[in-house]
Protein backbone atom coordinates (compact mmCIF):
# COMPACT_ATOMS: atom_id res chain seq x y z
CA MET A 1 39.12 11.04 12.81
CA LYS A 2 38.64 7.59 11.24
CA TYR A 3 36.59 6.55 14.30
CA VAL A 4 34.11 9.35 13.72
CA TYR A 5 33.95 8.46 10.01
CA TYR A 6 33.20 4.81 10.72
CA LEU A 7 30.67 5.58 13.44
CA THR A 8 28.82 7.99 11.15
CA THR A 9 28.79 5.53 8.26
CA ILE A 10 27.48 2.68 10.49
CA SER A 11 24.78 4.97 11.91
CA ILE A 12 23.60 6.02 8.44
CA LEU A 13 23.50 2.38 7.24
CA LEU A 14 21.68 1.24 10.34
CA ALA A 15 19.07 3.98 10.03
CA PHE A 16 18.55 3.21 6.36
CA ASN A 17 18.12 -0.51 7.11
CA LEU A 18 15.64 0.02 9.89
CA GLY A 19 13.61 2.44 7.72
CA CYS A 20 13.31 -0.17 4.91
CA GLN A 21 11.95 -3.03 7.02
CA LYS A 22 8.81 -4.61 5.54
CA CYS A 23 5.80 -6.04 7.31
CA THR A 24 6.03 -9.84 7.69
CA ASP A 25 2.87 -11.82 8.49
CA GLU A 26 1.33 -9.02 10.61
CA ASN A 27 -2.37 -9.50 11.14
CA PRO A 28 -4.62 -7.22 9.05
CA LYS A 29 -6.40 -4.19 10.52
CA ALA A 30 -9.86 -2.98 9.69
CA ARG A 31 -12.05 -0.04 10.61
CA VAL A 32 -15.62 0.91 9.63
CA LEU A 33 -16.60 4.26 8.07
CA ASN A 34 -20.32 5.01 7.78
CA LYS A 35 -21.00 7.41 5.01
CA GLY A 36 -24.49 5.99 4.56
CA THR A 37 -27.89 7.59 4.90
CA GLY A 38 -28.51 6.56 8.51
CA SER A 39 -27.03 4.74 11.48
CA VAL A 40 -25.86 1.20 10.83
CA THR A 41 -25.58 -1.92 13.01
CA LEU A 42 -22.66 -3.97 11.78
CA THR A 43 -21.20 -7.33 12.87
CA LEU A 44 -17.75 -8.49 11.82
CA THR A 45 -17.07 -12.20 12.24
CA SER A 46 -13.61 -13.60 11.61
CA GLY A 47 -12.90 -17.13 10.37
CA ASN A 48 -11.88 -18.23 13.85
CA GLY A 49 -15.26 -17.25 15.25
CA GLY A 50 -14.30 -13.99 16.89
CA GLU A 51 -17.02 -11.38 16.60
CA VAL A 52 -17.11 -7.57 16.87
CA GLN A 53 -20.37 -5.70 16.73
CA PHE A 54 -20.98 -1.99 16.14
CA SER A 55 -24.49 -0.97 17.19
CA ASP A 56 -26.00 2.23 15.89
CA LEU A 57 -22.78 3.55 14.20
CA ALA A 58 -23.96 7.01 13.31
CA SER A 59 -23.79 8.38 9.76
CA GLY A 60 -20.51 10.20 9.31
CA SER A 61 -18.68 8.28 12.08
CA VAL A 62 -15.63 6.08 11.97
CA SER A 63 -14.88 3.15 14.27
CA SER A 64 -11.49 2.44 15.82
CA SER A 65 -9.18 0.07 13.99
CA LYS A 66 -9.22 -3.53 15.13
CA THR A 67 -6.80 -6.36 14.30
CA TYR A 68 -8.13 -9.60 12.84
CA PRO A 69 -6.64 -12.88 11.80
CA ALA A 70 -5.84 -13.14 8.09
CA GLY A 71 -8.46 -14.93 6.05
CA SER A 72 -12.24 -14.76 5.77
CA LEU A 73 -14.23 -12.00 7.49
CA THR A 74 -17.99 -11.95 7.25
CA VAL A 75 -19.66 -8.53 7.40
CA ILE A 76 -23.36 -8.30 8.21
CA TYR A 77 -24.82 -4.86 8.32
CA ILE A 78 -28.35 -3.43 8.74
CA ILE A 79 -29.14 0.07 7.51
CA GLU A 80 -32.61 1.45 7.05
CA GLU A 81 -34.01 -2.02 8.00
CA VAL A 82 -32.24 -3.68 5.06
CA GLU A 83 -29.76 -6.45 5.96
CA GLN A 84 -26.75 -7.11 3.74
CA THR A 85 -24.01 -9.73 4.01
CA GLU A 86 -20.53 -9.61 2.46
CA VAL A 87 -17.55 -11.91 2.85
CA LEU A 88 -14.10 -10.40 2.69
CA ASN A 89 -10.70 -12.02 2.43
CA LEU A 90 -8.21 -10.12 4.65
CA ALA A 91 -4.59 -10.43 3.76
CA SER A 92 -1.59 -10.12 6.12
CA CYS A 93 0.15 -6.76 6.24
CA THR A 94 -2.92 -4.88 5.02
CA SER A 95 -5.10 -2.15 6.50
CA TYR A 96 -8.72 -2.03 5.43
CA ASP A 97 -11.43 0.64 5.44
CA ILE A 98 -14.83 -1.02 5.36
CA THR A 99 -17.01 1.79 4.12
CA ILE A 100 -20.77 2.14 3.85
CA ASN A 101 -21.08 4.62 0.94
CA SER A 102 -23.84 7.18 0.31
CA ASN A 103 -25.88 4.53 -1.55
CA ASN A 104 -25.69 2.27 1.55
CA GLU A 105 -23.37 -0.16 -0.31
CA LEU A 106 -20.26 -1.77 1.19
CA VAL A 107 -17.04 -0.55 -0.41
CA ILE A 108 -13.60 -1.81 0.69
CA PHE A 109 -10.41 0.22 0.44
CA SER A 110 -7.11 -1.43 1.30
CA GLN A 111 -3.51 -0.30 1.85
CA GLU A 112 -0.40 -2.40 2.51
CA ILE A 113 1.19 -1.91 5.92
CA ASN A 114 4.90 -1.20 5.64
């Protein structure tokens, strides 16, 4: 009987401990949501020179999530023949939604990754 009690207690403590683990230095993730008035061509350039381009991302569409190194990320986007540039600072353990809003402005939403 004691064996079952100890085994149950250890299982509960182990499950609780695994469920409370926090993210440690995980690279940030980002995706692009186009809620603008037309299709957008968007280029994301990370601080280490890596580049991802989205050509003709249709209005109302969402890109897949990509992982980037923490630090500076340059976003260049063209919508309705107007080019805009923004520089973001991506933090470790964070997920970002890079959104083109209905006014064709860049808006960033972030959420910590647990």
